Amino acid sequence: MSWSLLPEPVLISILSYFQYYEIIQIGYTCKRWNIVSNDNLLWKTVLCRDFQMSKKTTIHPSGSFWMEEYKRLIDETPNVMSEELCQDDEVLHVAFSNSGNLFVTCCKDATFTVLNMSNDGTTSLRYRGNMTNCGWQYTSSAQFN
């Protein structure tokens, strides 16, 4: 049996088990799969599954397609804090590396902390520095090169 013989409802049902980024990649395979991967009901199913919403959910007034609604929720929904960082003083500045796997905090007490960030959002200490020995009163900014 060939994939081309599968009816669209069966293909949509199969695609509904994939992650959203996999559905997008599958859409690049061929013209038919592109059409199926953009199916409005497929994206409603995936959205309701991933955001734990009722199937009775209606689309946001500004949207017209469930795929657009999915992108809106991904881009505009804040992430859940995974942990609270203990800092000795008030944080004045936070900078992220280009890759996003490191970030630095600069504090009012002239200290800075470089942290690793894993894919699951947890952090670990990479380096902690104190600039008071250089005569600094506080660290106001930092950047990655």
N, C-alpha and C. Protein backbone atom coordinates (compact mmCIF):
# COMPACT_ATOMS: atom_id res chain seq x y z
N MET A 1 0.85 -1.19 0.00
CA MET A 1 0.00 0.00 0.00
C MET A 1 0.89 1.24 0.00
N SER A 2 0.50 2.23 -0.73
CA SER A 2 1.25 3.47 -0.86
C SER A 2 0.64 4.55 0.02
N TRP A 3 1.47 5.47 0.51
CA TRP A 3 1.00 6.61 1.31
C TRP A 3 0.01 7.46 0.51
N SER A 4 0.19 7.50 -0.79
CA SER A 4 -0.68 8.33 -1.63
C SER A 4 -2.11 7.80 -1.67
N LEU A 5 -2.31 6.53 -1.29
CA LEU A 5 -3.65 5.95 -1.31
C LEU A 5 -4.42 6.19 -0.01
N LEU A 6 -3.72 6.68 1.02
CA LEU A 6 -4.40 6.93 2.30
C LEU A 6 -5.37 8.11 2.17
N PRO A 7 -6.58 7.95 2.64
CA PRO A 7 -7.52 9.09 2.62
C PRO A 7 -7.02 10.19 3.57
N GLU A 8 -7.37 11.43 3.24
CA GLU A 8 -6.91 12.57 4.05
C GLU A 8 -7.30 12.46 5.52
N PRO A 9 -8.52 12.03 5.87
CA PRO A 9 -8.85 11.92 7.29
C PRO A 9 -7.92 10.96 8.07
N VAL A 10 -7.50 9.89 7.41
CA VAL A 10 -6.58 8.95 8.05
C VAL A 10 -5.21 9.61 8.22
N LEU A 11 -4.74 10.31 7.21
CA LEU A 11 -3.46 11.00 7.27
C LEU A 11 -3.49 12.09 8.36
N ILE A 12 -4.60 12.82 8.45
CA ILE A 12 -4.75 13.86 9.48
C ILE A 12 -4.72 13.22 10.87
N SER A 13 -5.38 12.10 11.01
CA SER A 13 -5.38 11.39 12.29
C SER A 13 -3.97 10.96 12.67
N ILE A 14 -3.20 10.47 11.72
CA ILE A 14 -1.81 10.07 11.98
C ILE A 14 -0.97 11.28 12.39
N LEU A 15 -1.12 12.38 11.64
CA LEU A 15 -0.34 13.58 11.93
C LEU A 15 -0.66 14.17 13.30
N SER A 16 -1.86 13.95 13.79
CA SER A 16 -2.25 14.52 15.09
C SER A 16 -1.45 13.95 16.25
N TYR A 17 -0.71 12.87 16.03
CA TYR A 17 0.13 12.29 17.08
C TYR A 17 1.53 12.91 17.13
N PHE A 18 1.87 13.70 16.12
CA PHE A 18 3.19 14.32 16.05
C PHE A 18 3.21 15.63 16.83
N GLN A 19 4.42 16.08 17.16
CA GLN A 19 4.61 17.40 17.77
C GLN A 19 4.42 18.46 16.69
N TYR A 20 4.10 19.68 17.11
CA TYR A 20 3.79 20.74 16.15
C TYR A 20 4.94 21.00 15.18
N TYR A 21 6.19 20.99 15.67
CA TYR A 21 7.33 21.25 14.78
C TYR A 21 7.55 20.11 13.80
N GLU A 22 7.17 18.90 14.18
CA GLU A 22 7.27 17.76 13.26
C GLU A 22 6.22 17.87 12.16
N ILE A 23 5.03 18.33 12.51
CA ILE A 23 3.96 18.51 11.51
C ILE A 23 4.41 19.53 10.47
N ILE A 24 5.04 20.60 10.92
CA ILE A 24 5.54 21.62 9.99
C ILE A 24 6.58 21.02 9.06
N GLN A 25 7.51 20.22 9.60
CA GLN A 25 8.54 19.58 8.78
C GLN A 25 7.94 18.58 7.80
N ILE A 26 6.93 17.84 8.24
CA ILE A 26 6.27 16.87 7.37
C ILE A 26 5.63 17.59 6.18
N GLY A 27 5.15 18.80 6.41
CA GLY A 27 4.53 19.59 5.35
C GLY A 27 5.47 19.92 4.21
N TYR A 28 6.78 19.86 4.45
CA TYR A 28 7.76 20.14 3.40
C TYR A 28 8.03 18.93 2.51
N THR A 29 7.46 17.79 2.85
CA THR A 29 7.75 16.54 2.14
C THR A 29 7.23 16.54 0.71
N CYS A 30 5.98 16.88 0.53
CA CYS A 30 5.39 16.91 -0.81
C CYS A 30 4.15 17.81 -0.78
N LYS A 31 3.61 18.07 -1.95
CA LYS A 31 2.47 18.99 -2.06
C LYS A 31 1.26 18.48 -1.27
N ARG A 32 0.96 17.19 -1.38
CA ARG A 32 -0.20 16.64 -0.67
C ARG A 32 -0.04 16.73 0.84
N TRP A 33 1.14 16.38 1.33
CA TRP A 33 1.37 16.43 2.78
C TRP A 33 1.41 17.87 3.28
N ASN A 34 1.78 18.81 2.41
CA ASN A 34 1.74 20.21 2.78
C ASN A 34 0.30 20.65 3.00
N ILE A 35 -0.57 20.23 2.12
CA ILE A 35 -1.99 20.57 2.24
C ILE A 35 -2.57 19.96 3.51
N VAL A 36 -2.26 18.68 3.74
CA VAL A 36 -2.79 17.99 4.92
C VAL A 36 -2.20 18.57 6.21
N SER A 37 -0.92 18.93 6.20
CA SER A 37 -0.28 19.47 7.42
C SER A 37 -0.79 20.86 7.77
N ASN A 38 -1.49 21.52 6.86
CA ASN A 38 -2.07 22.84 7.12
C ASN A 38 -3.57 22.75 7.40
N ASP A 39 -4.09 21.54 7.56
CA ASP A 39 -5.51 21.36 7.80
C ASP A 39 -5.93 22.04 9.10
N ASN A 40 -7.00 22.81 9.04
CA ASN A 40 -7.47 23.59 10.18
C ASN A 40 -7.87 22.71 11.37
N LEU A 41 -8.58 21.61 11.13
CA LEU A 41 -8.99 20.73 12.22
C LEU A 41 -7.81 19.99 12.84
N LEU A 42 -6.80 19.68 12.04
CA LEU A 42 -5.58 19.07 12.58
C LEU A 42 -4.96 20.01 13.61
N TRP A 43 -4.84 21.29 13.27
CA TRP A 43 -4.21 22.25 14.17
C TRP A 43 -5.07 22.52 15.40
N LYS A 44 -6.38 22.44 15.26
CA LYS A 44 -7.23 22.58 16.45
C LYS A 44 -6.99 21.41 17.39
N THR A 45 -6.89 20.21 16.84
CA THR A 45 -6.63 19.01 17.65
C THR A 45 -5.29 19.13 18.37
N VAL A 46 -4.26 19.55 17.65
CA VAL A 46 -2.92 19.67 18.23
C VAL A 46 -2.89 20.77 19.29
N LEU A 47 -3.55 21.89 19.01
CA LEU A 47 -3.60 23.00 19.96
C LEU A 47 -4.31 22.56 21.25
N CYS A 48 -5.45 21.91 21.12
CA CYS A 48 -6.19 21.46 22.30
C CYS A 48 -5.39 20.44 23.10
N ARG A 49 -4.65 19.59 22.42
CA ARG A 49 -3.82 18.60 23.09
C ARG A 49 -2.65 19.27 23.82
N ASP A 50 -1.91 20.11 23.13
CA ASP A 50 -0.69 20.71 23.69
C ASP A 50 -0.96 21.74 24.78
N PHE A 51 -2.09 22.45 24.67
CA PHE A 51 -2.40 23.48 25.66
C PHE A 51 -3.50 23.02 26.63
N GLN A 52 -3.82 21.72 26.56
CA GLN A 52 -4.80 21.10 27.44
C GLN A 52 -6.11 21.91 27.48
N MET A 53 -6.65 22.15 26.30
CA MET A 53 -7.89 22.90 26.15
C MET A 53 -9.01 21.96 25.71
N SER A 54 -10.22 22.38 25.98
CA SER A 54 -11.39 21.62 25.58
C SER A 54 -11.53 21.66 24.05
N LYS A 55 -12.07 20.60 23.50
CA LYS A 55 -12.33 20.55 22.05
C LYS A 55 -13.40 21.57 21.65
N LYS A 56 -14.13 22.09 22.65
CA LYS A 56 -15.17 23.09 22.39
C LYS A 56 -14.59 24.50 22.29
N THR A 57 -13.28 24.61 22.48
CA THR A 57 -12.61 25.91 22.43
C THR A 57 -12.86 26.59 21.10
N THR A 58 -13.08 27.89 21.14
CA THR A 58 -13.24 28.66 19.92
C THR A 58 -11.98 29.47 19.67
N ILE A 59 -11.79 29.84 18.45
CA ILE A 59 -10.58 30.55 18.05
C ILE A 59 -10.63 32.00 18.55
N HIS A 60 -9.47 32.55 18.84
CA HIS A 60 -9.34 33.95 19.28
C HIS A 60 -9.93 34.86 18.20
N PRO A 61 -10.61 35.94 18.60
CA PRO A 61 -11.25 36.82 17.60
C PRO A 61 -10.30 37.37 16.54
N SER A 62 -9.04 37.54 16.87
CA SER A 62 -8.10 38.10 15.89
C SER A 62 -7.62 37.05 14.88
N GLY A 63 -7.88 35.77 15.14
CA GLY A 63 -7.38 34.72 14.26
C GLY A 63 -8.46 34.12 13.38
N SER A 64 -8.03 33.46 12.33
CA SER A 64 -8.99 32.79 11.47
C SER A 64 -8.59 31.33 11.23
N PHE A 65 -7.35 30.97 11.55
CA PHE A 65 -6.88 29.61 11.36
C PHE A 65 -6.27 29.10 12.66
N TRP A 66 -6.48 27.81 12.94
CA TRP A 66 -5.96 27.23 14.18
C TRP A 66 -4.43 27.19 14.20
N MET A 67 -3.80 27.06 13.04
CA MET A 67 -2.34 27.07 12.99
C MET A 67 -1.82 28.45 13.43
N GLU A 68 -2.48 29.50 12.98
CA GLU A 68 -2.10 30.86 13.41
C GLU A 68 -2.33 31.03 14.90
N GLU A 69 -3.42 30.46 15.41
CA GLU A 69 -3.72 30.54 16.84
C GLU A 69 -2.65 29.80 17.64
N TYR A 70 -2.20 28.66 17.13
CA TYR A 70 -1.14 27.90 17.79
C TYR A 70 0.13 28.75 17.87
N LYS A 71 0.51 29.36 16.75
CA LYS A 71 1.70 30.22 16.72
C LYS A 71 1.55 31.39 17.68
N ARG A 72 0.34 31.98 17.73
CA ARG A 72 0.10 33.11 18.64
C ARG A 72 0.30 32.68 20.08
N LEU A 73 -0.22 31.52 20.44
CA LEU A 73 -0.08 31.04 21.81
C LEU A 73 1.37 30.71 22.15
N ILE A 74 2.09 30.15 21.19
CA ILE A 74 3.51 29.84 21.43
C ILE A 74 4.31 31.12 21.62
N ASP A 75 4.05 32.13 20.79
CA ASP A 75 4.82 33.37 20.83
C ASP A 75 4.42 34.29 21.98
N GLU A 76 3.15 34.28 22.38
CA GLU A 76 2.67 35.26 23.34
C GLU A 76 2.38 34.71 24.74
N THR A 77 2.48 33.41 24.93
CA THR A 77 2.22 32.83 26.24
C THR A 77 3.52 32.79 27.03
N PRO A 78 3.54 33.37 28.22
CA PRO A 78 4.76 33.34 29.01
C PRO A 78 5.12 31.92 29.43
N ASN A 79 6.40 31.67 29.55
CA ASN A 79 6.86 30.38 30.03
C ASN A 79 6.71 30.32 31.54
N VAL A 80 6.53 29.14 32.06
CA VAL A 80 6.42 28.94 33.49
C VAL A 80 7.82 28.97 34.09
N MET A 81 7.97 29.70 35.20
CA MET A 81 9.27 29.77 35.86
C MET A 81 9.63 28.38 36.37
N SER A 82 10.83 27.91 36.07
CA SER A 82 11.23 26.57 36.49
C SER A 82 11.96 26.58 37.82
N GLU A 83 12.56 27.70 38.17
CA GLU A 83 13.24 27.79 39.45
C GLU A 83 13.48 29.26 39.79
N GLU A 84 13.67 29.53 41.06
CA GLU A 84 13.96 30.88 41.50
C GLU A 84 15.45 30.96 41.79
N LEU A 85 16.10 31.96 41.21
CA LEU A 85 17.53 32.14 41.41
C LEU A 85 17.78 32.94 42.69
N CYS A 86 18.68 32.48 43.50
CA CYS A 86 19.01 33.19 44.73
C CYS A 86 20.13 34.18 44.43
N GLN A 87 19.84 35.43 44.58
CA GLN A 87 20.81 36.49 44.38
C GLN A 87 20.99 37.20 45.72
N ASP A 88 22.23 37.63 46.00
CA ASP A 88 22.50 38.32 47.25
C ASP A 88 21.97 39.74 47.26
N ASP A 89 21.84 40.36 46.08
CA ASP A 89 21.41 41.74 46.01
C ASP A 89 20.50 41.93 44.80
N GLU A 90 20.00 43.13 44.64
CA GLU A 90 19.10 43.47 43.56
C GLU A 90 19.76 43.28 42.20
N VAL A 91 19.09 42.59 41.29
CA VAL A 91 19.61 42.38 39.94
C VAL A 91 19.30 43.62 39.10
N LEU A 92 20.33 44.18 38.49
CA LEU A 92 20.17 45.38 37.66
C LEU A 92 20.05 45.06 36.18
N HIS A 93 20.63 43.92 35.76
CA HIS A 93 20.68 43.63 34.32
C HIS A 93 20.80 42.12 34.12
N VAL A 94 20.17 41.63 33.06
CA VAL A 94 20.30 40.23 32.65
C VAL A 94 20.60 40.23 31.16
N ALA A 95 21.60 39.44 30.74
CA ALA A 95 21.94 39.31 29.32
C ALA A 95 22.04 37.83 28.97
N PHE A 96 21.57 37.49 27.77
CA PHE A 96 21.60 36.11 27.30
C PHE A 96 22.63 35.96 26.18
N SER A 97 23.28 34.80 26.12
CA SER A 97 24.20 34.52 25.03
C SER A 97 23.40 34.32 23.75
N ASN A 98 24.08 34.41 22.60
CA ASN A 98 23.41 34.23 21.32
C ASN A 98 22.76 32.86 21.20
N SER A 99 23.39 31.85 21.75
CA SER A 99 22.85 30.50 21.66
C SER A 99 21.71 30.28 22.66
N GLY A 100 21.62 31.14 23.68
CA GLY A 100 20.57 31.01 24.68
C GLY A 100 20.88 30.02 25.77
N ASN A 101 22.07 29.40 25.74
CA ASN A 101 22.39 28.41 26.77
C ASN A 101 23.16 29.00 27.95
N LEU A 102 23.47 30.30 27.90
CA LEU A 102 24.12 30.99 29.01
C LEU A 102 23.41 32.31 29.25
N PHE A 103 23.41 32.75 30.51
CA PHE A 103 22.99 34.11 30.78
C PHE A 103 23.73 34.63 32.00
N VAL A 104 23.81 35.94 32.09
CA VAL A 104 24.54 36.59 33.17
C VAL A 104 23.61 37.57 33.87
N THR A 105 23.73 37.62 35.19
CA THR A 105 23.00 38.62 35.97
C THR A 105 24.02 39.56 36.60
N CYS A 106 23.71 40.85 36.60
CA CYS A 106 24.56 41.87 37.21
C CYS A 106 23.80 42.47 38.38
N CYS A 107 24.48 42.57 39.52
CA CYS A 107 23.80 42.99 40.74
C CYS A 107 24.31 44.33 41.26
N LYS A 108 23.51 44.90 42.13
CA LYS A 108 23.81 46.19 42.73
C LYS A 108 25.04 46.13 43.64
N ASP A 109 25.39 44.96 44.15
CA ASP A 109 26.54 44.81 45.05
C ASP A 109 27.85 44.56 44.30
N ALA A 110 27.88 44.87 43.00
CA ALA A 110 29.06 44.73 42.14
C ALA A 110 29.44 43.28 41.85
N THR A 111 28.51 42.38 41.97
CA THR A 111 28.77 40.99 41.61
C THR A 111 28.06 40.66 40.31
N PHE A 112 28.56 39.64 39.63
CA PHE A 112 27.88 39.12 38.44
C PHE A 112 27.94 37.61 38.51
N THR A 113 26.95 36.98 37.91
CA THR A 113 26.84 35.53 37.93
C THR A 113 26.54 35.05 36.52
N VAL A 114 27.35 34.11 36.05
CA VAL A 114 27.12 33.49 34.74
C VAL A 114 26.52 32.11 35.01
N LEU A 115 25.40 31.83 34.37
CA LEU A 115 24.69 30.58 34.59
C LEU A 115 24.50 29.82 33.27
N ASN A 116 24.58 28.50 33.35
CA ASN A 116 24.24 27.62 32.23
C ASN A 116 22.73 27.40 32.28
N MET A 117 22.10 27.32 31.11
CA MET A 117 20.68 26.99 31.07
C MET A 117 20.50 25.75 30.20
N SER A 118 19.91 24.72 30.78
CA SER A 118 19.70 23.47 30.04
C SER A 118 18.43 23.57 29.21
N ASN A 119 18.21 22.58 28.36
CA ASN A 119 17.03 22.57 27.48
C ASN A 119 15.72 22.53 28.26
N ASP A 120 15.75 21.95 29.47
CA ASP A 120 14.51 21.90 30.25
C ASP A 120 14.30 23.15 31.10
N GLY A 121 15.20 24.15 30.97
CA GLY A 121 15.03 25.42 31.65
C GLY A 121 15.68 25.53 33.01
N THR A 122 16.31 24.46 33.48
CA THR A 122 16.99 24.54 34.77
C THR A 122 18.37 25.17 34.58
N THR A 123 18.87 25.77 35.64
CA THR A 123 20.14 26.48 35.56
C THR A 123 21.17 25.86 36.49
N SER A 124 22.43 26.12 36.18
CA SER A 124 23.54 25.73 37.05
C SER A 124 24.60 26.82 36.98
N LEU A 125 25.29 27.01 38.08
CA LEU A 125 26.31 28.06 38.16
C LEU A 125 27.50 27.72 37.29
N ARG A 126 27.91 28.68 36.49
CA ARG A 126 29.12 28.53 35.68
C ARG A 126 30.26 29.36 36.26
N TYR A 127 29.95 30.60 36.67
CA TYR A 127 30.98 31.47 37.23
C TYR A 127 30.33 32.58 38.03
N ARG A 128 30.95 32.95 39.11
CA ARG A 128 30.48 34.08 39.91
C ARG A 128 31.68 34.99 40.14
N GLY A 129 31.49 36.27 39.90
CA GLY A 129 32.58 37.23 40.08
C GLY A 129 32.17 38.41 40.93
N ASN A 130 33.17 39.04 41.55
CA ASN A 130 32.93 40.21 42.38
C ASN A 130 33.87 41.31 41.90
N MET A 131 33.30 42.42 41.46
CA MET A 131 34.08 43.50 40.88
C MET A 131 34.49 44.57 41.91
N THR A 132 34.18 44.37 43.19
CA THR A 132 34.59 45.36 44.20
C THR A 132 36.10 45.42 44.34
N ASN A 133 36.78 44.31 44.07
CA ASN A 133 38.25 44.32 44.14
C ASN A 133 38.87 45.14 43.02
N CYS A 134 38.07 45.54 42.05
CA CYS A 134 38.52 46.43 40.97
C CYS A 134 38.06 47.87 41.20
N GLY A 135 37.42 48.10 42.35
CA GLY A 135 36.96 49.44 42.67
C GLY A 135 35.56 49.75 42.17
N TRP A 136 34.84 48.76 41.67
CA TRP A 136 33.50 48.99 41.16
C TRP A 136 32.51 49.07 42.33
N GLN A 137 31.53 49.94 42.21
CA GLN A 137 30.49 50.04 43.23
C GLN A 137 29.30 49.13 42.88
N TYR A 138 29.06 48.93 41.60
CA TYR A 138 28.00 48.04 41.14
C TYR A 138 28.29 47.62 39.71
N THR A 139 27.66 46.56 39.27
CA THR A 139 27.75 46.13 37.87
C THR A 139 26.41 46.41 37.23
N SER A 140 26.42 47.27 36.24
CA SER A 140 25.15 47.71 35.66
C SER A 140 24.77 47.00 34.36
N SER A 141 25.74 46.38 33.70
CA SER A 141 25.40 45.68 32.46
C SER A 141 26.49 44.68 32.10
N ALA A 142 26.12 43.77 31.21
CA ALA A 142 27.06 42.78 30.70
C ALA A 142 26.60 42.37 29.31
N GLN A 143 27.49 41.78 28.53
CA GLN A 143 27.10 41.28 27.22
C GLN A 143 27.99 40.13 26.82
N PHE A 144 27.48 39.29 25.93
CA PHE A 144 28.24 38.18 25.39
C PHE A 144 28.76 38.57 24.02
N ASN A 145 29.97 38.18 23.71
CA ASN A 145 30.54 38.45 22.39
C ASN A 145 30.46 37.22 21.52
